[in-house]
Amino acid sequence: MLQLLSLSFGSLSISARLAKRGLWMAAKNVSVSYHSEMSPDMLSSVLRSGVCPPEYASNIGCFLDETPLELVVMVVEEAAAHAEERQQIWSHVARLALQYGSARNEFWAMTPGVELGSEGQQDDGRCPVRQKGQNGRRISGSDAKFD
């Protein structure tokens, strides 16, 4: 029946998703409004290591809060070499969200298989935590003042 309609459900593959260059699209997306342009390699490195250089703090904050979820999934798939690394990257995303006080923090914490122990709930100084200004709005990057 499916062949009559020219439909087929072949084996699942992420090759089409990889061809869309998710890391490149996300890196461009998070660099639009910021002084520091983040390369796809830097975004991949931050996600794989969980360590964010201070000059990319605003970019990572934008990635966590504003990047469409479909694109985030593409980025994780592209950055991960294998399933175990994919799970580690999701864990890093959740930890970075905690460090930044991401608007999607609760969503990232619900990621299946992600376990945030007490070490994940503490700011270790690797990425600045977004702060609230006097008017209650969040500030980040060069506008934030850290002790």
Foldseek 3Di string as FASTA:
>chain_A
DCVVVVHDDDDDDCVVLVVVVLLQVLQCVLQPPAPDRDHSVNVLVCLQVLFDALSCQSSLLCSLAPDPPVSVVSSLVNSDPDDVSSLSSLLSSQLSCLQAVHPCNVVSCPPPPHDQDPVSNDNPPRHHHWDADPVRDTDDRPVDDDD
